[in-house]
Amino acid sequence: MTAGRLKDGEEVKPFLEHLEELRHTIIRSALVLGIAMAVAIPLTPQILDLLKAPLAGTVEDPDRFLRSIEVSGAFVSTLRMAFWSGLVMSAPFICFFVGQFIFPGLKQAERSAIYKASGFAVLLFIFGVVLAYKITLPVALSIMLRMHEWLGIEAEWTITSYIAFSMQLLIAFGLAFELPVVIMVLAKLGLVNSDQLRDKRRYVIVILLIVAMLLTPPDVFTQLMMAVPLILLYELCIWLVRAQERRSLIS
């Protein structure tokens, strides 16, 4: 299978060569994830202390409140914390490897839009995680505990369920707050405009409420704590895209 050429003279690689590059990308990503997990494993006691901190305002003694009732409880908890922490640490490298794989097939304008959005994406992810850690997670834990009290059930949470609950919430908020990056990149590429964003507002709000329902614990307050900032960010995107269109018209 021979390589062809694009209109601008760039060489088009054969399909099998693309598969080989994809294999290399997957291997390198898995390798860097493994290294990051190896770095995170010795730090899991400190990571656990950070995860338990939001619980301190809800119960008197988080160390006694959380229990491990399974033989493999500590092992599973360590792996889970190491995986998610390692994934966050290795994410920039994995994105770089994926970028090396897909960028040759993108136009210059598409590459530029992604480059410019990268730093903003990192900041928004951090903002989402911090918001969840400082505000949403303590509220969600308090609501879950109050529901136990309302039903007359003595709450005793396992360490594995607590880690899964808290890390799912933190990662979900970080990923959900990437919405503005996606919208701004699509607008920069000319795939959406401010009028379309404004016309589809009601449908987007419903979708964001559904996303919040799927990514957060099953209580209305926590879901709204994710959905409301996302809706506000969507409104901000409409304004930013509109401002960008006006600048384009002036220039």
Protein backbone atom coordinates (compact mmCIF):
# COMPACT_ATOMS: atom_id res chain seq x y z
CA MET A 1 0.00 0.00 0.00
CA THR A 2 1.65 3.23 -1.13
CA ALA A 3 1.32 6.67 0.35
CA GLY A 4 -0.59 9.42 -1.44
CA ARG A 5 -0.34 13.17 -1.19
CA LEU A 6 -2.65 15.92 0.00
CA LYS A 7 -3.33 19.05 -2.04
CA ASP A 8 -0.79 21.04 -0.05
CA GLY A 9 1.90 18.45 -0.78
CA GLU A 10 1.85 16.66 2.58
CA GLU A 11 2.25 12.92 2.37
CA VAL A 12 -0.73 10.71 3.24
CA LYS A 13 0.43 7.70 5.22
CA PRO A 14 -0.96 4.24 4.44
CA PHE A 15 -3.56 2.71 6.73
CA LEU A 16 -1.22 0.10 8.24
CA GLU A 17 1.28 2.82 9.15
CA HIS A 18 -1.50 4.70 10.93
CA LEU A 19 -2.33 1.55 12.90
CA GLU A 20 1.32 1.18 13.88
CA GLU A 21 1.43 4.80 15.07
CA LEU A 22 -1.79 4.25 17.02
CA ARG A 23 -0.23 1.21 18.69
CA HIS A 24 2.82 3.25 19.65
CA THR A 25 0.58 6.02 21.01
CA ILE A 26 -1.36 3.54 23.17
CA ILE A 27 1.83 1.89 24.44
CA ARG A 28 3.47 5.21 25.34
CA SER A 29 0.29 6.43 27.04
CA ALA A 30 0.00 3.21 29.06
CA LEU A 31 3.68 3.43 29.98
CA VAL A 32 3.47 7.01 31.24
CA LEU A 33 0.27 6.15 33.15
CA GLY A 34 2.07 3.22 34.78
CA ILE A 35 4.99 5.45 35.79
CA ALA A 36 2.61 8.06 37.22
CA MET A 37 0.78 5.35 39.18
CA ALA A 38 4.10 4.10 40.55
CA VAL A 39 4.85 7.64 41.72
CA ALA A 40 1.36 8.00 43.24
CA ILE A 41 1.33 4.69 45.19
CA PRO A 42 3.76 5.84 47.94
CA LEU A 43 1.71 9.04 48.24
CA THR A 44 -1.66 7.32 48.72
CA PRO A 45 -1.71 7.86 52.53
CA GLN A 46 -1.35 11.62 51.93
CA ILE A 47 -3.93 11.48 49.11
CA LEU A 48 -6.32 9.68 51.46
CA ASP A 49 -5.81 12.39 54.08
CA LEU A 50 -6.77 15.00 51.47
CA LEU A 51 -9.87 13.03 50.50
CA LYS A 52 -10.91 12.65 54.15
CA ALA A 53 -10.56 16.38 54.89
CA PRO A 54 -14.03 17.33 53.52
CA LEU A 55 -15.53 14.68 55.81
CA ALA A 56 -14.07 16.35 58.92
CA GLY A 57 -16.80 18.98 58.97
CA THR A 58 -19.52 16.34 58.75
CA VAL A 59 -18.43 13.72 61.32
CA GLU A 60 -16.37 14.05 64.49
CA ASP A 61 -13.64 11.55 63.64
CA PRO A 62 -13.31 10.56 59.95
CA ASP A 63 -10.61 8.00 60.79
CA ARG A 64 -12.99 6.02 63.02
CA PHE A 65 -16.05 6.68 60.87
CA LEU A 66 -14.58 5.09 57.74
CA ARG A 67 -14.20 1.32 57.94
CA SER A 68 -12.64 -1.40 55.85
CA ILE A 69 -14.73 -4.56 56.06
CA GLU A 70 -13.20 -6.40 53.09
CA VAL A 71 -9.94 -8.33 53.16
CA SER A 72 -8.77 -6.51 50.03
CA GLY A 73 -10.19 -3.14 51.09
CA ALA A 74 -6.83 -1.41 51.56
CA PHE A 75 -5.44 -2.91 48.35
CA VAL A 76 -8.43 -1.85 46.25
CA SER A 77 -8.42 1.62 47.80
CA THR A 78 -4.70 2.07 47.11
CA LEU A 79 -5.08 1.00 43.48
CA ARG A 80 -8.09 3.24 42.95
CA MET A 81 -6.34 6.31 44.37
CA ALA A 82 -3.14 5.52 42.48
CA PHE A 83 -5.00 5.08 39.20
CA TRP A 84 -6.97 8.32 39.32
CA SER A 85 -4.06 10.32 40.71
CA GLY A 86 -1.74 8.80 38.12
CA LEU A 87 -4.22 9.55 35.36
CA VAL A 88 -4.38 13.21 36.37
CA MET A 89 -0.57 13.46 36.58
CA SER A 90 -0.01 11.73 33.26
CA ALA A 91 -2.86 13.51 31.41
CA PRO A 92 -0.61 16.23 29.90
CA PHE A 93 1.78 13.61 28.51
CA ILE A 94 -1.06 11.44 27.20
CA CYS A 95 -2.62 14.48 25.51
CA PHE A 96 0.77 15.25 23.95
CA PHE A 97 1.07 11.72 22.56
CA VAL A 98 -2.49 11.80 21.23
CA GLY A 99 -1.76 15.20 19.71
CA GLN A 100 1.28 13.81 17.91
CA PHE A 101 -0.97 11.14 16.43
CA ILE A 102 -3.89 13.30 15.27
CA PHE A 103 -2.23 16.65 14.50
CA PRO A 104 -0.74 15.61 11.13
CA GLY A 105 -4.30 15.11 9.88
CA LEU A 106 -5.51 18.53 11.03
CA LYS A 107 -5.42 21.84 9.24
CA GLN A 108 -3.29 24.70 10.57
CA ALA A 109 -6.36 26.58 11.86
CA GLU A 110 -7.52 23.48 13.75
CA ARG A 111 -4.09 22.98 15.30
CA SER A 112 -3.92 26.63 16.34
CA ALA A 113 -7.35 26.49 17.98
CA ILE A 114 -6.41 23.40 19.99
CA TYR A 115 -3.06 24.87 21.05
CA LYS A 116 -4.70 28.06 22.30
CA ALA A 117 -7.37 26.12 24.21
CA SER A 118 -4.94 23.77 25.99
CA GLY A 119 -3.88 26.09 28.80
CA PHE A 120 -7.46 27.23 29.35
CA ALA A 121 -8.58 23.59 29.53
CA VAL A 122 -6.06 22.84 32.30
CA LEU A 123 -7.18 25.87 34.33
CA LEU A 124 -10.85 24.95 33.98
CA PHE A 125 -10.19 21.36 35.04
CA ILE A 126 -8.36 22.56 38.14
CA PHE A 127 -11.14 25.05 38.86
CA GLY A 128 -13.77 22.30 38.61
CA VAL A 129 -11.86 19.97 40.94
CA VAL A 130 -11.21 22.72 43.51
CA LEU A 131 -14.85 23.82 43.43
CA ALA A 132 -15.98 20.24 44.02
CA TYR A 133 -13.40 19.68 46.79
CA LYS A 134 -14.08 22.91 48.68
CA ILE A 135 -17.85 23.21 48.28
CA THR A 136 -19.69 20.38 46.52
CA LEU A 137 -18.10 17.34 48.19
CA PRO A 138 -18.65 18.56 51.79
CA VAL A 139 -22.27 19.42 50.95
CA ALA A 140 -22.84 16.06 49.23
CA LEU A 141 -21.34 14.15 52.18
CA SER A 142 -23.50 16.09 54.62
CA ILE A 143 -26.63 15.35 52.60
CA MET A 144 -25.82 11.63 52.41
CA LEU A 145 -25.26 11.50 56.18
CA ARG A 146 -28.47 13.41 56.93
CA MET A 147 -30.44 10.97 54.78
CA HIS A 148 -29.12 8.10 56.93
CA GLU A 149 -30.22 9.96 60.06
CA TRP A 150 -33.63 10.72 58.54
CA LEU A 151 -34.18 7.01 57.87
CA GLY A 152 -32.91 6.11 61.35
CA ILE A 153 -29.91 4.21 59.98
CA GLU A 154 -26.54 4.44 61.70
CA ALA A 155 -24.07 5.45 59.01
CA GLU A 156 -20.83 3.50 58.70
CA TRP A 157 -19.16 3.97 55.35
CA THR A 158 -16.53 1.68 53.88
CA ILE A 159 -13.27 3.24 52.78
CA THR A 160 -13.64 1.77 49.27
CA SER A 161 -17.10 3.30 48.73
CA TYR A 162 -15.98 6.64 50.15
CA ILE A 163 -12.94 6.87 47.86
CA ALA A 164 -15.04 5.88 44.84
CA PHE A 165 -17.70 8.45 45.74
CA SER A 166 -15.31 11.36 46.38
CA MET A 167 -12.94 10.75 43.46
CA GLN A 168 -15.83 10.24 41.03
CA LEU A 169 -17.27 13.59 42.09
CA LEU A 170 -13.93 15.44 41.82
CA ILE A 171 -13.03 14.02 38.40
CA ALA A 172 -16.59 14.52 37.12
CA PHE A 173 -16.51 18.22 38.03
CA GLY A 174 -13.10 18.65 36.41
CA LEU A 175 -14.24 17.06 33.16
CA ALA A 176 -17.62 18.81 33.12
CA PHE A 177 -15.91 22.20 33.33
CA GLU A 178 -14.19 21.52 30.01
CA LEU A 179 -17.47 22.50 28.31
CA PRO A 180 -16.39 26.10 27.54
CA VAL A 181 -13.18 24.83 25.90
CA VAL A 182 -15.16 22.56 23.58
CA ILE A 183 -17.57 25.36 22.65
CA MET A 184 -14.83 27.92 22.02
CA VAL A 185 -12.83 25.50 19.84
CA LEU A 186 -15.93 24.65 17.80
CA ALA A 187 -16.66 28.37 17.40
CA LYS A 188 -13.06 29.09 16.38
CA LEU A 189 -13.33 26.41 13.70
CA GLY A 190 -16.59 27.93 12.43
CA LEU A 191 -18.71 24.93 13.38
CA VAL A 192 -21.00 26.91 15.69
CA ASN A 193 -21.86 30.60 16.11
CA SER A 194 -23.44 32.74 18.81
CA ASP A 195 -26.89 32.65 17.18
CA GLN A 196 -26.89 28.85 17.16
CA LEU A 197 -25.72 28.74 20.78
CA ARG A 198 -28.46 31.18 21.76
CA ASP A 199 -31.19 29.35 19.82
CA LYS A 200 -30.25 25.96 21.34
CA ARG A 201 -29.98 27.34 24.88
CA ARG A 202 -33.08 25.58 26.23
CA TYR A 203 -31.98 22.21 24.88
CA VAL A 204 -28.45 22.66 26.21
CA ILE A 205 -29.78 23.49 29.68
CA VAL A 206 -31.77 20.25 29.70
CA ILE A 207 -28.70 18.32 28.55
CA LEU A 208 -26.53 19.92 31.24
CA LEU A 209 -29.09 19.00 33.90
CA ILE A 210 -29.04 15.40 32.67
CA VAL A 211 -25.23 15.35 32.64
CA ALA A 212 -25.18 16.69 36.20
CA MET A 213 -27.67 14.02 37.23
CA LEU A 214 -25.49 11.26 35.75
CA LEU A 215 -22.16 12.52 37.10
CA THR A 216 -23.14 13.48 40.65
CA PRO A 217 -24.72 11.69 43.64
CA PRO A 218 -28.50 11.17 43.51
CA ASP A 219 -29.51 14.35 45.30
CA VAL A 220 -30.92 17.51 43.75
CA PHE A 221 -28.64 19.93 45.61
CA THR A 222 -25.40 18.36 44.41
CA GLN A 223 -26.73 18.11 40.87
CA LEU A 224 -27.63 21.80 40.88
CA MET A 225 -24.18 22.66 42.23
CA MET A 226 -22.75 21.21 39.05
CA ALA A 227 -25.46 22.26 36.61
CA VAL A 228 -25.74 25.93 37.62
CA PRO A 229 -22.04 26.80 37.07
CA LEU A 230 -22.11 24.92 33.75
CA ILE A 231 -25.17 26.88 32.62
CA LEU A 232 -23.45 30.14 33.61
CA LEU A 233 -20.33 29.09 31.71
CA TYR A 234 -22.47 28.31 28.68
CA GLU A 235 -23.97 31.80 28.84
CA LEU A 236 -20.46 33.23 29.13
CA CYS A 237 -19.45 31.27 26.02
CA ILE A 238 -22.32 32.83 24.06
CA TRP A 239 -21.05 36.28 25.00
CA LEU A 240 -17.41 35.40 24.21
CA VAL A 241 -18.28 33.87 20.83
CA ARG A 242 -20.39 36.93 20.00
CA ALA A 243 -17.51 39.24 20.94
CA GLN A 244 -15.16 37.15 18.80
CA GLU A 245 -17.52 37.43 15.82
CA ARG A 246 -17.69 41.22 16.20
CA ARG A 247 -13.90 41.48 16.25
CA SER A 248 -13.74 39.39 13.09
CA LEU A 249 -16.22 41.69 11.36
CA ILE A 250 -14.28 44.81 12.37
CA SER A 251 -10.97 43.39 11.20
